[in-house]
Amino acid sequence: MTLESPFKGPSGSAMPLVWAHAKYVKLLRSLADGVVFDMPPLAARRYRQGKHQARCWPWREDCPVAEIPAGRALRLDFAEPAIALYTAPRAGAR
């Protein structure tokens, strides 16, 4: 007859300490190298190269916008199903 321990894995209490130590070691490595040690190359390119603008401009009831930049699509965000009525502005109106 074999007896098995009910404790088959880590309790989890030491995991935050291990995580913090690993982050500290990566920080030391980054400082020594002069570059971020574990930065994914795709993310680095994304933020180093020109800023990308969102295609859509959101509108919500709690944060309405009066106008949107040219070339952007308007996205209506409603908490519940809704019907939106759109009318074109009058000529010369601001």
Foldseek 3Di string as FASTA:
>chain_A
DDDDDPCPDDPPPCVVVVVVVVVVVQVVVCVVVVHRDDDDPVVVVQVVDDDDDDQEDEAEPVRHDPDDDPRHHYDYDYPDDDDDDDDDDDPPDD
